[in-house]
Amino acid sequence: MQDNTRDRKSFMRLKGNAIEVFGRRVKLPASRLARVGLGIAFVLGGIFSFLPVLGVWMLPLGLLILSIDFVLVRRWRRRFSVKWGRRGRVKEGLREAASQQAQNVPEPERERVRAPHS
């Protein structure tokens, strides 16, 4: 079976001095002070997500920008991405095991399992 995890695109990805969001690449300022200010502004915008235009989407984007310059935030981002990747692989493995188990069930029992209980 083909590995679909490589085909999937993530919503936000850090590539060098740019961020790729939904397939669009946005360059970040070269100045560290400007990047930190932009990251903090996005985090604060995410905290005040109850206001119009501001939203929860700003929080992970701000943390992603801050992870360029701060080791602690970068460590959190890497840990989260590793855990998220493991979670996806576990779910994919469970789906494959369930489909294999369904294929190994004899025909009469397969129909009985899919029929709703009265």
Protein backbone atom coordinates (compact mmCIF):
# COMPACT_ATOMS: atom_id res chain seq x y z
CA MET A 1 0.00 0.00 0.00
CA GLN A 2 1.20 3.51 -0.81
CA ASP A 3 2.33 5.84 1.97
CA ASN A 4 -0.13 8.77 1.94
CA THR A 5 1.58 10.72 4.72
CA ARG A 6 4.13 12.13 2.28
CA ASP A 7 1.40 13.25 -0.12
CA ARG A 8 -0.46 15.26 2.50
CA LYS A 9 0.32 18.95 2.81
CA SER A 10 0.39 20.59 6.19
CA PHE A 11 -1.48 23.83 6.74
CA MET A 12 1.57 25.74 7.92
CA ARG A 13 5.17 24.89 7.18
CA LEU A 14 8.41 26.70 7.92
CA LYS A 15 10.81 26.84 4.97
CA GLY A 16 13.96 28.84 5.60
CA ASN A 17 13.06 32.48 6.10
CA ALA A 18 9.52 32.00 4.77
CA ILE A 19 6.29 30.38 5.91
CA GLU A 20 4.13 28.30 3.64
CA VAL A 21 0.46 28.66 4.58
CA PHE A 22 -2.13 26.65 2.60
CA GLY A 23 0.32 26.33 -0.29
CA ARG A 24 1.19 30.05 -0.45
CA ARG A 25 4.67 31.16 0.48
CA VAL A 26 5.07 34.33 2.56
CA LYS A 27 8.52 35.78 3.22
CA LEU A 28 9.34 36.88 6.74
CA PRO A 29 11.37 39.97 7.63
CA ALA A 30 15.13 39.48 7.73
CA SER A 31 15.37 41.51 10.95
CA ARG A 32 15.13 39.43 14.10
CA LEU A 33 13.39 42.26 15.95
CA ALA A 34 10.72 42.53 13.23
CA ARG A 35 10.12 38.74 13.25
CA VAL A 36 9.77 38.70 17.05
CA GLY A 37 7.37 41.65 16.92
CA LEU A 38 5.33 39.98 14.19
CA GLY A 39 5.24 36.69 16.11
CA ILE A 40 4.13 38.37 19.32
CA ALA A 41 1.47 40.32 17.42
CA PHE A 42 0.06 37.09 15.97
CA VAL A 43 0.09 35.37 19.38
CA LEU A 44 -1.73 38.31 20.97
CA GLY A 45 -4.20 38.32 18.08
CA GLY A 46 -4.83 34.64 18.71
CA ILE A 47 -5.44 35.28 22.40
CA PHE A 48 -8.03 37.96 21.53
CA SER A 49 -9.76 35.65 19.06
CA PHE A 50 -13.22 36.67 20.27
CA LEU A 51 -12.83 39.96 18.37
CA PRO A 52 -13.73 40.18 14.66
CA VAL A 53 -10.95 39.44 12.12
CA LEU A 54 -8.69 38.06 14.84
CA GLY A 55 -8.88 34.34 15.27
CA VAL A 56 -7.42 31.25 16.85
CA TRP A 57 -5.53 30.63 13.57
CA MET A 58 -3.18 33.46 14.54
CA LEU A 59 -1.84 31.64 17.61
CA PRO A 60 -0.07 28.72 15.87
CA LEU A 61 1.17 31.05 13.14
CA GLY A 62 2.68 33.38 15.74
CA LEU A 63 4.32 30.47 17.55
CA LEU A 64 5.70 29.22 14.23
CA ILE A 65 7.24 32.64 13.55
CA LEU A 66 8.66 32.83 17.08
CA SER A 67 10.18 29.34 16.71
CA ILE A 68 12.69 30.74 14.22
CA ASP A 69 14.38 32.85 16.88
CA PHE A 70 13.61 31.16 20.21
CA VAL A 71 14.95 27.72 21.07
CA LEU A 72 12.25 26.98 23.64
CA VAL A 73 9.41 27.63 21.18
CA ARG A 74 11.26 25.66 18.48
CA ARG A 75 11.54 22.70 20.88
CA TRP A 76 7.79 22.85 21.60
CA ARG A 77 7.03 22.97 17.87
CA ARG A 78 9.25 19.97 17.13
CA ARG A 79 7.80 17.92 19.98
CA PHE A 80 4.28 18.72 18.82
CA SER A 81 5.05 17.81 15.22
CA VAL A 82 6.63 14.49 16.27
CA LYS A 83 3.65 13.63 18.49
CA TRP A 84 1.21 14.62 15.75
CA GLY A 85 3.07 12.47 13.23
CA ARG A 86 3.08 9.47 15.56
CA ARG A 87 -0.62 9.95 16.21
CA GLY A 88 -1.34 9.90 12.49
CA ARG A 89 0.72 6.75 11.98
CA VAL A 90 -1.05 4.98 14.85
CA LYS A 91 -4.47 5.90 13.43
CA GLU A 92 -3.41 4.75 9.97
CA GLY A 93 -2.16 1.46 11.41
CA LEU A 94 -5.45 0.93 13.25
CA ARG A 95 -7.41 1.59 10.04
CA GLU A 96 -5.27 -0.90 8.11
CA ALA A 97 -5.68 -3.52 10.85
CA ALA A 98 -9.46 -3.04 10.88
CA SER A 99 -9.69 -3.35 7.10
CA GLN A 100 -7.56 -6.52 7.14
CA GLN A 101 -9.71 -7.96 9.91
CA ALA A 102 -12.86 -7.18 7.92
CA GLN A 103 -11.36 -8.94 4.89
CA ASN A 104 -10.57 -12.06 6.95
CA VAL A 105 -14.14 -12.44 8.29
CA PRO A 106 -16.14 -15.13 6.46
CA GLU A 107 -18.94 -13.87 4.19
CA PRO A 108 -22.04 -14.70 6.35
CA GLU A 109 -20.50 -13.14 9.47
CA ARG A 110 -19.47 -10.01 7.55
CA GLU A 111 -23.10 -9.33 6.62
CA ARG A 112 -24.22 -9.92 10.19
CA VAL A 113 -21.63 -7.49 11.56
CA ARG A 114 -22.71 -4.70 9.20
CA ALA A 115 -26.46 -5.16 9.81
CA PRO A 116 -27.91 -2.82 12.46
CA HIS A 117 -29.25 -4.38 15.63
CA SER A 118 -33.02 -4.28 16.11
